[in-house]
PDB file of all heavy atoms in Angstrom:
ATOM      1  N   ALA A   1     -61.847  -7.442 -40.452  1.00  0.00           N
ATOM      2  CA  ALA A   1     -61.283  -8.492 -39.607  1.00  0.00           C
ATOM      3  C   ALA A   1     -60.498  -7.873 -38.460  1.00  0.00           C
ATOM      4  O   ALA A   1     -60.012  -6.742 -38.559  1.00  0.00           O
ATOM      5  CB  ALA A   1     -60.376  -9.409 -40.426  1.00  0.00           C
ATOM      6  N   ASP A   2     -60.422  -8.605 -37.360  1.00  0.00           N
ATOM      7  CA  ASP A   2     -59.682  -8.129 -36.190  1.00  0.00           C
ATOM      8  C   ASP A   2     -58.240  -8.657 -36.235  1.00  0.00           C
ATOM      9  O   ASP A   2     -58.018  -9.872 -36.172  1.00  0.00           O
ATOM     10  CB  ASP A   2     -60.376  -8.590 -34.898  1.00  0.00           C
ATOM     11  CG  ASP A   2     -61.726  -7.914 -34.700  1.00  0.00           C
ATOM     12  OD1 ASP A   2     -61.844  -6.717 -35.031  1.00  0.00           O
ATOM     13  OD2 ASP A   2     -62.658  -8.592 -34.216  1.00  0.00           O
ATOM     14  N   TRP A   3     -57.303  -7.746 -36.323  1.00  0.00           N
ATOM     15  CA  TRP A   3     -55.881  -8.084 -36.378  1.00  0.00           C
ATOM     16  C   TRP A   3     -55.222  -7.740 -35.046  1.00  0.00           C
ATOM     17  O   TRP A   3     -55.499  -6.697 -34.456  1.00  0.00           O
ATOM     18  CB  TRP A   3     -55.171  -7.290 -37.478  1.00  0.00           C
ATOM     19  CG  TRP A   3     -55.625  -7.590 -38.879  1.00  0.00           C
ATOM     20  CD1 TRP A   3     -56.809  -7.247 -39.446  1.00  0.00           C
ATOM     21  CD2 TRP A   3     -54.876  -8.284 -39.881  1.00  0.00           C
ATOM     22  NE1 TRP A   3     -56.871  -7.675 -40.741  1.00  0.00           N
ATOM     23  CE2 TRP A   3     -55.685  -8.314 -41.044  1.00  0.00           C
ATOM     24  CE3 TRP A   3     -53.621  -8.871 -39.922  1.00  0.00           C
ATOM     25  CZ2 TRP A   3     -55.265  -8.909 -42.230  1.00  0.00           C
ATOM     26  CZ3 TRP A   3     -53.196  -9.459 -41.106  1.00  0.00           C
ATOM     27  CH2 TRP A   3     -54.005  -9.481 -42.237  1.00  0.00           C
ATOM     28  N   GLN A   4     -54.391  -8.623 -34.593  1.00  0.00           N
ATOM     29  CA  GLN A   4     -53.620  -8.375 -33.372  1.00  0.00           C
ATOM     30  C   GLN A   4     -52.367  -7.576 -33.734  1.00  0.00           C
ATOM     31  O   GLN A   4     -51.640  -7.922 -34.663  1.00  0.00           O
ATOM     32  CB  GLN A   4     -53.215  -9.711 -32.743  1.00  0.00           C
ATOM     33  CG  GLN A   4     -52.479  -9.595 -31.419  1.00  0.00           C
ATOM     34  CD  GLN A   4     -51.989 -10.958 -30.943  1.00  0.00           C
ATOM     35  OE1 GLN A   4     -50.960 -11.465 -31.400  1.00  0.00           O
ATOM     36  NE2 GLN A   4     -52.758 -11.578 -30.042  1.00  0.00           N
ATOM     37  N   LEU A   5     -52.136  -6.491 -33.006  1.00  0.00           N
ATOM     38  CA  LEU A   5     -50.974  -5.639 -33.255  1.00  0.00           C
ATOM     39  C   LEU A   5     -49.864  -5.973 -32.259  1.00  0.00           C
ATOM     40  O   LEU A   5     -50.092  -6.001 -31.050  1.00  0.00           O
ATOM     41  CB  LEU A   5     -51.350  -4.163 -33.138  1.00  0.00           C
ATOM     42  CG  LEU A   5     -50.194  -3.148 -33.248  1.00  0.00           C
ATOM     43  CD1 LEU A   5     -49.543  -3.217 -34.629  1.00  0.00           C
ATOM     44  CD2 LEU A   5     -50.693  -1.736 -32.948  1.00  0.00           C
ATOM     45  N   ARG A   6     -48.679  -6.235 -32.789  1.00  0.00           N
ATOM     46  CA  ARG A   6     -47.506  -6.469 -31.949  1.00  0.00           C
ATOM     47  C   ARG A   6     -46.433  -5.459 -32.346  1.00  0.00           C
ATOM     48  O   ARG A   6     -46.074  -5.358 -33.522  1.00  0.00           O
ATOM     49  CB  ARG A   6     -46.973  -7.891 -32.119  1.00  0.00           C
ATOM     50  CG  ARG A   6     -47.994  -8.964 -31.708  1.00  0.00           C
ATOM     51  CD  ARG A   6     -47.345 -10.329 -31.635  1.00  0.00           C
ATOM     52  NE  ARG A   6     -48.276 -11.365 -31.204  1.00  0.00           N
ATOM     53  CZ  ARG A   6     -47.910 -12.526 -30.671  1.00  0.00           C
ATOM     54  NH1 ARG A   6     -46.621 -12.808 -30.495  1.00  0.00           N
ATOM     55  NH2 ARG A   6     -48.807 -13.415 -30.312  1.00  0.00           N
ATOM     56  N   ASP A   7     -45.928  -4.736 -31.354  1.00  0.00           N
ATOM     57  CA  ASP A   7     -44.982  -3.652 -31.635  1.00  0.00           C
ATOM     58  C   ASP A   7     -43.782  -3.771 -30.694  1.00  0.00           C
ATOM     59  O   ASP A   7     -43.936  -3.789 -29.468  1.00  0.00           O
ATOM     60  CB  ASP A   7     -45.661  -2.292 -31.449  1.00  0.00           C
ATOM     61  CG  ASP A   7     -44.858  -1.158 -32.053  1.00  0.00           C
ATOM     62  OD1 ASP A   7     -43.635  -1.318 -32.249  1.00  0.00           O
ATOM     63  OD2 ASP A   7     -45.449  -0.097 -32.334  1.00  0.00           O
ATOM     64  N   SER A   8     -42.593  -3.847 -31.279  1.00  0.00           N
ATOM     65  CA  SER A   8     -41.372  -3.976 -30.475  1.00  0.00           C
ATOM     66  C   SER A   8     -40.899  -2.635 -29.934  1.00  0.00           C
ATOM     67  O   SER A   8     -40.038  -2.584 -29.061  1.00  0.00           O
ATOM     68  CB  SER A   8     -40.258  -4.596 -31.326  1.00  0.00           C
ATOM     69  OG  SER A   8     -39.924  -3.732 -32.399  1.00  0.00           O
ATOM     70  N   GLY A   9     -41.441  -1.545 -30.489  1.00  0.00           N
ATOM     71  CA  GLY A   9     -41.013  -0.223 -30.057  1.00  0.00           C
ATOM     72  C   GLY A   9     -39.744   0.259 -30.738  1.00  0.00           C
ATOM     73  O   GLY A   9     -39.272   1.366 -30.482  1.00  0.00           O
ATOM     74  N   SER A  10     -39.178  -0.551 -31.622  1.00  0.00           N
ATOM     75  CA  SER A  10     -37.939  -0.182 -32.308  1.00  0.00           C
ATOM     76  C   SER A  10     -38.175   0.157 -33.775  1.00  0.00           C
ATOM     77  O   SER A  10     -37.233   0.229 -34.561  1.00  0.00           O
ATOM     78  CB  SER A  10     -36.932  -1.335 -32.223  1.00  0.00           C
ATOM     79  OG  SER A  10     -37.462  -2.504 -32.851  1.00  0.00           O
ATOM     80  N   GLY A  11     -39.429   0.354 -34.139  1.00  0.00           N
ATOM     81  CA  GLY A  11     -39.764   0.692 -35.521  1.00  0.00           C
ATOM     82  C   GLY A  11     -40.363  -0.457 -36.295  1.00  0.00           C
ATOM     83  O   GLY A  11     -41.042  -0.254 -37.292  1.00  0.00           O
ATOM     84  N   SER A  12     -40.130  -1.684 -35.850  1.00  0.00           N
ATOM     85  CA  SER A  12     -40.692  -2.847 -36.512  1.00  0.00           C
ATOM     86  C   SER A  12     -41.964  -3.276 -35.792  1.00  0.00           C
ATOM     87  O   SER A  12     -42.016  -3.278 -34.563  1.00  0.00           O
ATOM     88  CB  SER A  12     -39.679  -3.999 -36.504  1.00  0.00           C
ATOM     89  OG  SER A  12     -40.229  -5.152 -37.114  1.00  0.00           O
ATOM     90  N   LYS A  13     -42.967  -3.619 -36.568  1.00  0.00           N
ATOM     91  CA  LYS A  13     -44.249  -4.024 -35.969  1.00  0.00           C
ATOM     92  C   LYS A  13     -44.850  -5.159 -36.777  1.00  0.00           C
ATOM     93  O   LYS A  13     -44.419  -5.440 -37.907  1.00  0.00           O
ATOM     94  CB  LYS A  13     -45.203  -2.831 -35.896  1.00  0.00           C
ATOM     95  CG  LYS A  13     -45.490  -2.192 -37.230  1.00  0.00           C
ATOM     96  CD  LYS A  13     -46.342  -0.930 -37.078  1.00  0.00           C
ATOM     97  CE  LYS A  13     -45.553   0.209 -36.496  1.00  0.00           C
ATOM     98  NZ  LYS A  13     -44.561   0.759 -37.469  1.00  0.00           N
ATOM     99  N   SER A  14     -45.871  -5.810 -36.212  1.00  0.00           N
ATOM    100  CA  SER A  14     -46.508  -6.939 -36.886  1.00  0.00           C
ATOM    101  C   SER A  14     -48.005  -6.896 -36.668  1.00  0.00           C
ATOM    102  O   SER A  14     -48.486  -6.459 -35.610  1.00  0.00           O
ATOM    103  CB  SER A  14     -45.962  -8.275 -36.367  1.00  0.00           C
ATOM    104  OG  SER A  14     -44.572  -8.371 -36.544  1.00  0.00           O
ATOM    105  N   LEU A  15     -48.734  -7.372 -37.665  1.00  0.00           N
ATOM    106  CA  LEU A  15     -50.168  -7.594 -37.549  1.00  0.00           C
ATOM    107  C   LEU A  15     -50.416  -9.087 -37.738  1.00  0.00           C
ATOM    108  O   LEU A  15     -49.862  -9.699 -38.655  1.00  0.00           O
ATOM    109  CB  LEU A  15     -50.934  -6.804 -38.612  1.00  0.00           C
ATOM    110  CG  LEU A  15     -51.009  -5.286 -38.425  1.00  0.00           C
ATOM    111  CD1 LEU A  15     -51.713  -4.649 -39.624  1.00  0.00           C
ATOM    112  CD2 LEU A  15     -51.752  -4.931 -37.139  1.00  0.00           C
ATOM    113  N   VAL A  16     -51.238  -9.671 -36.864  1.00  0.00           N
ATOM    114  CA  VAL A  16     -51.501 -11.111 -36.904  1.00  0.00           C
ATOM    115  C   VAL A  16     -52.998 -11.343 -37.055  1.00  0.00           C
ATOM    116  O   VAL A  16     -53.799 -10.782 -36.307  1.00  0.00           O
ATOM    117  CB  VAL A  16     -50.999 -11.808 -35.616  1.00  0.00           C
ATOM    118  CG1 VAL A  16     -51.265 -13.303 -35.702  1.00  0.00           C
ATOM    119  CG2 VAL A  16     -49.515 -11.528 -35.396  1.00  0.00           C
ATOM    120  N   LEU A  17     -53.353 -12.184 -38.034  1.00  0.00           N
ATOM    121  CA  LEU A  17     -54.758 -12.519 -38.268  1.00  0.00           C
ATOM    122  C   LEU A  17     -54.927 -14.031 -38.204  1.00  0.00           C
ATOM    123  O   LEU A  17     -54.203 -14.779 -38.861  1.00  0.00           O
ATOM    124  CB  LEU A  17     -55.200 -12.010 -39.643  1.00  0.00           C
ATOM    125  CG  LEU A  17     -56.624 -12.385 -40.064  1.00  0.00           C
ATOM    126  CD1 LEU A  17     -57.661 -11.749 -39.133  1.00  0.00           C
ATOM    127  CD2 LEU A  17     -56.879 -11.982 -41.520  1.00  0.00           C
ATOM    128  N   GLU A  18     -55.887 -14.483 -37.394  1.00  0.00           N
ATOM    129  CA  GLU A  18     -56.278 -15.895 -37.331  1.00  0.00           C
ATOM    130  C   GLU A  18     -57.625 -16.004 -38.034  1.00  0.00           C
ATOM    131  O   GLU A  18     -58.636 -15.478 -37.545  1.00  0.00           O
ATOM    132  CB  GLU A  18     -56.402 -16.352 -35.872  1.00  0.00           C
ATOM    133  CG  GLU A  18     -55.140 -16.190 -35.042  1.00  0.00           C
ATOM    134  CD  GLU A  18     -54.133 -17.296 -35.287  1.00  0.00           C
ATOM    135  OE1 GLU A  18     -54.476 -18.263 -36.008  1.00  0.00           O
ATOM    136  OE2 GLU A  18     -53.009 -17.204 -34.755  1.00  0.00           O
ATOM    137  N   GLU A  19     -57.613 -16.676 -39.192  1.00  0.00           N
ATOM    138  CA  GLU A  19     -58.844 -16.705 -39.996  1.00  0.00           C
ATOM    139  C   GLU A  19     -58.911 -17.986 -40.821  1.00  0.00           C
ATOM    140  O   GLU A  19     -57.957 -18.342 -41.526  1.00  0.00           O
ATOM    141  CB  GLU A  19     -58.881 -15.486 -40.930  1.00  0.00           C
ATOM    142  CG  GLU A  19     -60.150 -15.350 -41.757  1.00  0.00           C
ATOM    143  CD  GLU A  19     -61.362 -14.900 -40.944  1.00  0.00           C
ATOM    144  OE1 GLU A  19     -61.165 -14.242 -39.905  1.00  0.00           O
ATOM    145  OE2 GLU A  19     -62.492 -15.220 -41.345  1.00  0.00           O
ATOM    146  N   SER A  20     -60.047 -18.694 -40.720  1.00  0.00           N
ATOM    147  CA  SER A  20     -60.332 -19.874 -41.548  1.00  0.00           C
ATOM    148  C   SER A  20     -59.252 -20.944 -41.443  1.00  0.00           C
ATOM    149  O   SER A  20     -58.915 -21.614 -42.431  1.00  0.00           O
ATOM    150  CB  SER A  20     -60.512 -19.451 -43.020  1.00  0.00           C
ATOM    151  OG  SER A  20     -61.517 -18.479 -43.151  1.00  0.00           O
ATOM    152  N   GLY A  21     -58.678 -21.108 -40.253  1.00  0.00           N
ATOM    153  CA  GLY A  21     -57.661 -22.122 -40.045  1.00  0.00           C
ATOM    154  C   GLY A  21     -56.255 -21.685 -40.434  1.00  0.00           C
ATOM    155  O   GLY A  21     -55.304 -22.473 -40.317  1.00  0.00           O
ATOM    156  N   TYR A  22     -56.108 -20.440 -40.877  1.00  0.00           N
ATOM    157  CA  TYR A  22     -54.796 -19.924 -41.263  1.00  0.00           C
ATOM    158  C   TYR A  22     -54.326 -18.858 -40.274  1.00  0.00           C
ATOM    159  O   TYR A  22     -55.135 -18.172 -39.641  1.00  0.00           O
ATOM    160  CB  TYR A  22     -54.851 -19.289 -42.660  1.00  0.00           C
ATOM    161  CG  TYR A  22     -55.290 -20.225 -43.753  1.00  0.00           C
ATOM    162  CD1 TYR A  22     -56.515 -20.042 -44.393  1.00  0.00           C
ATOM    163  CD2 TYR A  22     -54.490 -21.297 -44.150  1.00  0.00           C
ATOM    164  CE1 TYR A  22     -56.940 -20.894 -45.406  1.00  0.00           C
ATOM    165  CE2 TYR A  22     -54.905 -22.149 -45.154  1.00  0.00           C
ATOM    166  CZ  TYR A  22     -56.133 -21.948 -45.772  1.00  0.00           C
ATOM    167  OH  TYR A  22     -56.542 -22.807 -46.769  1.00  0.00           O
ATOM    168  N   THR A  23     -53.023 -18.742 -40.173  1.00  0.00           N
ATOM    169  CA  THR A  23     -52.422 -17.638 -39.430  1.00  0.00           C
ATOM    170  C   THR A  23     -51.635 -16.812 -40.440  1.00  0.00           C
ATOM    171  O   THR A  23     -50.770 -17.340 -41.147  1.00  0.00           O
ATOM    172  CB  THR A  23     -51.466 -18.142 -38.333  1.00  0.00           C
ATOM    173  OG1 THR A  23     -52.215 -18.926 -37.395  1.00  0.00           O
ATOM    174  CG2 THR A  23     -50.828 -16.969 -37.601  1.00  0.00           C
ATOM    175  N   ILE A  24     -51.953 -15.528 -40.495  1.00  0.00           N
ATOM    176  CA  ILE A  24     -51.283 -14.626 -41.434  1.00  0.00           C
ATOM    177  C   ILE A  24     -50.587 -13.537 -40.638  1.00  0.00           C
ATOM    178  O   ILE A  24     -51.195 -12.893 -39.772  1.00  0.00           O
ATOM    179  CB  ILE A  24     -52.277 -14.012 -42.435  1.00  0.00           C
ATOM    180  CG1 ILE A  24     -52.891 -15.129 -43.293  1.00  0.00           C
ATOM    181  CG2 ILE A  24     -51.592 -12.965 -43.304  1.00  0.00           C
ATOM    182  CD1 ILE A  24     -53.942 -14.652 -44.269  1.00  0.00           C
ATOM    183  N   VAL A  25     -49.325 -13.346 -40.923  1.00  0.00           N
ATOM    184  CA  VAL A  25     -48.520 -12.336 -40.232  1.00  0.00           C
ATOM    185  C   VAL A  25     -48.010 -11.326 -41.248  1.00  0.00           C
ATOM    186  O   VAL A  25     -47.432 -11.695 -42.281  1.00  0.00           O
ATOM    187  CB  VAL A  25     -47.313 -12.970 -39.500  1.00  0.00           C
ATOM    188  CG1 VAL A  25     -46.460 -11.888 -38.837  1.00  0.00           C
ATOM    189  CG2 VAL A  25     -47.791 -13.987 -38.464  1.00  0.00           C
ATOM    190  N   LEU A  26     -48.240 -10.063 -40.959  1.00  0.00           N
ATOM    191  CA  LEU A  26     -47.662  -8.965 -41.736  1.00  0.00           C
ATOM    192  C   LEU A  26     -46.619  -8.317 -40.842  1.00  0.00           C
ATOM    193  O   LEU A  26     -46.936  -7.897 -39.727  1.00  0.00           O
ATOM    194  CB  LEU A  26     -48.724  -7.944 -42.146  1.00  0.00           C
ATOM    195  CG  LEU A  26     -49.954  -8.474 -42.895  1.00  0.00           C
ATOM    196  CD1 LEU A  26     -50.891  -7.317 -43.239  1.00  0.00           C
ATOM    197  CD2 LEU A  26     -49.541  -9.224 -44.159  1.00  0.00           C
ATOM    198  N   ALA A  27     -45.385  -8.232 -41.291  1.00  0.00           N
ATOM    199  CA  ALA A  27     -44.317  -7.697 -40.439  1.00  0.00           C
ATOM    200  C   ALA A  27     -43.399  -6.784 -41.230  1.00  0.00           C
ATOM    201  O   ALA A  27     -43.098  -7.031 -42.397  1.00  0.00           O
ATOM    202  CB  ALA A  27     -43.503  -8.844 -39.826  1.00  0.00           C
ATOM    203  N   GLY A  28     -42.956  -5.701 -40.575  1.00  0.00           N
ATOM    204  CA  GLY A  28     -42.027  -4.785 -41.233  1.00  0.00           C
ATOM    205  C   GLY A  28     -41.964  -3.451 -40.530  1.00  0.00           C
ATOM    206  O   GLY A  28     -42.531  -3.262 -39.445  1.00  0.00           O
ATOM    207  N   GLY A  29     -41.288  -2.514 -41.161  1.00  0.00           N
ATOM    208  CA  GLY A  29     -41.116  -1.183 -40.570  1.00  0.00           C
ATOM    209  C   GLY A  29     -41.966  -0.125 -41.227  1.00  0.00           C
ATOM    210  O   GLY A  29     -41.654   1.068 -41.131  1.00  0.00           O
ATOM    211  N   ALA A  30     -43.025  -0.536 -41.918  1.00  0.00           N
ATOM    212  CA  ALA A  30     -43.893   0.410 -42.620  1.00  0.00           C
ATOM    213  C   ALA A  30     -44.783   1.163 -41.639  1.00  0.00           C
ATOM    214  O   ALA A  30     -44.878   0.838 -40.448  1.00  0.00           O
ATOM    215  CB  ALA A  30     -44.740  -0.337 -43.646  1.00  0.00           C
ATOM    216  N   ASP A  31     -45.451   2.190 -42.153  1.00  0.00           N
ATOM    217  CA  ASP A  31     -46.411   2.944 -41.348  1.00  0.00           C
ATOM    218  C   ASP A  31     -47.693   2.124 -41.200  1.00  0.00           C
ATOM    219  O   ASP A  31     -47.996   1.248 -42.019  1.00  0.00           O
ATOM    220  CB  ASP A  31     -46.730   4.288 -42.007  1.00  0.00           C
ATOM    221  CG  ASP A  31     -45.495   5.170 -42.144  1.00  0.00           C
ATOM    222  OD1 ASP A  31     -44.600   5.059 -41.276  1.00  0.00           O
ATOM    223  OD2 ASP A  31     -45.433   5.948 -43.118  1.00  0.00           O
ATOM    224  N   LEU A  32     -48.467   2.461 -40.165  1.00  0.00           N
ATOM    225  CA  LEU A  32     -49.690   1.688 -39.914  1.00  0.00           C
ATOM    226  C   LEU A  32     -50.700   1.826 -41.046  1.00  0.00           C
ATOM    227  O   LEU A  32     -51.437   0.874 -41.333  1.00  0.00           O
ATOM    228  CB  LEU A  32     -50.321   2.146 -38.591  1.00  0.00           C
ATOM    229  CG  LEU A  32     -49.673   1.576 -37.319  1.00  0.00           C
ATOM    230  CD1 LEU A  32     -50.313   2.180 -36.074  1.00  0.00           C
ATOM    231  CD2 LEU A  32     -49.772   0.048 -37.289  1.00  0.00           C
ATOM    232  N   ASP A  33     -50.752   2.984 -41.707  1.00  0.00           N
ATOM    233  CA  ASP A  33     -51.704   3.112 -42.810  1.00  0.00           C
ATOM    234  C   ASP A  33     -51.311   2.203 -43.982  1.00  0.00           C
ATOM    235  O   ASP A  33     -52.176   1.710 -44.722  1.00  0.00           O
ATOM    236  CB  ASP A  33     -51.823   4.566 -43.266  1.00  0.00           C
ATOM    237  CG  ASP A  33     -50.500   5.154 -43.719  1.00  0.00           C
ATOM    238  OD1 ASP A  33     -49.445   4.604 -43.361  1.00  0.00           O
ATOM    239  OD2 ASP A  33     -50.528   6.175 -44.430  1.00  0.00           O
ATOM    240  N   GLU A  34     -50.001   1.942 -44.128  1.00  0.00           N
ATOM    241  CA  GLU A  34     -49.559   1.014 -45.164  1.00  0.00           C
ATOM    242  C   GLU A  34     -49.894  -0.424 -44.766  1.00  0.00           C
ATOM    243  O   GLU A  34     -50.284  -1.238 -45.605  1.00  0.00           O
ATOM    244  CB  GLU A  34     -48.063   1.179 -45.401  1.00  0.00           C
ATOM    245  CG  GLU A  34     -47.695   2.541 -45.992  1.00  0.00           C
ATOM    246  CD  GLU A  34     -46.207   2.784 -46.079  1.00  0.00           C
ATOM    247  OE1 GLU A  34     -45.478   2.394 -45.133  1.00  0.00           O
ATOM    248  OE2 GLU A  34     -45.758   3.351 -47.089  1.00  0.00           O
ATOM    249  N   PHE A  35     -49.750  -0.737 -43.471  1.00  0.00           N
ATOM    250  CA  PHE A  35     -50.183  -2.045 -42.983  1.00  0.00           C
ATOM    251  C   PHE A  35     -51.683  -2.214 -43.217  1.00  0.00           C
ATOM    252  O   PHE A  35     -52.142  -3.300 -43.594  1.00  0.00           O
ATOM    253  CB  PHE A  35     -49.880  -2.178 -41.492  1.00  0.00           C
ATOM    254  CG  PHE A  35     -48.510  -2.716 -41.182  1.00  0.00           C
ATOM    255  CD1 PHE A  35     -47.453  -1.866 -40.940  1.00  0.00           C
ATOM    256  CD2 PHE A  35     -48.270  -4.086 -41.127  1.00  0.00           C
ATOM    257  CE1 PHE A  35     -46.186  -2.353 -40.651  1.00  0.00           C
ATOM    258  CE2 PHE A  35     -47.012  -4.592 -40.846  1.00  0.00           C
ATOM    259  CZ  PHE A  35     -45.958  -3.725 -40.603  1.00  0.00           C
ATOM    260  N   ASP A  36     -52.437  -1.155 -42.970  1.00  0.00           N
ATOM    261  CA  ASP A  36     -53.891  -1.225 -43.158  1.00  0.00           C
ATOM    262  C   ASP A  36     -54.245  -1.528 -44.611  1.00  0.00           C
ATOM    263  O   ASP A  36     -55.167  -2.305 -44.890  1.00  0.00           O
ATOM    264  CB  ASP A  36     -54.541   0.094 -42.734  1.00  0.00           C
ATOM    265  CG  ASP A  36     -54.491   0.316 -41.227  1.00  0.00           C
ATOM    266  OD1 ASP A  36     -54.173  -0.647 -40.493  1.00  0.00           O
ATOM    267  OD2 ASP A  36     -54.761   1.451 -40.785  1.00  0.00           O
ATOM    268  N   ALA A  37     -53.503  -0.917 -45.558  1.00  0.00           N
ATOM    269  CA  ALA A  37     -53.794  -1.143 -46.975  1.00  0.00           C
ATOM    270  C   ALA A  37     -53.553  -2.602 -47.349  1.00  0.00           C
ATOM    271  O   ALA A  37     -54.374  -3.232 -48.038  1.00  0.00           O
ATOM    272  CB  ALA A  37     -52.929  -0.217 -47.834  1.00  0.00           C
ATOM    273  N   LEU A  38     -52.417  -3.166 -46.895  1.00  0.00           N
ATOM    274  CA  LEU A  38     -52.127  -4.568 -47.204  1.00  0.00           C
ATOM    275  C   LEU A  38     -53.082  -5.497 -46.459  1.00  0.00           C
ATOM    276  O   LEU A  38     -53.559  -6.495 -47.013  1.00  0.00           O
ATOM    277  CB  LEU A  38     -50.675  -4.899 -46.827  1.00  0.00           C
ATOM    278  CG  LEU A  38     -50.201  -6.317 -47.140  1.00  0.00           C
ATOM    279  CD1 LEU A  38     -50.404  -6.647 -48.616  1.00  0.00           C
ATOM    280  CD2 LEU A  38     -48.730  -6.495 -46.758  1.00  0.00           C
TER     281      LEU A  38
END
């Protein structure tokens, strides 16, 4: 799936997915490979 990446530049970042009528946001200060796993 294609996730939109939003990065504040202060260590916190978010991934946003629009899928099947839902919006899912993953947000936190984790590494990108950890975001990829979730």
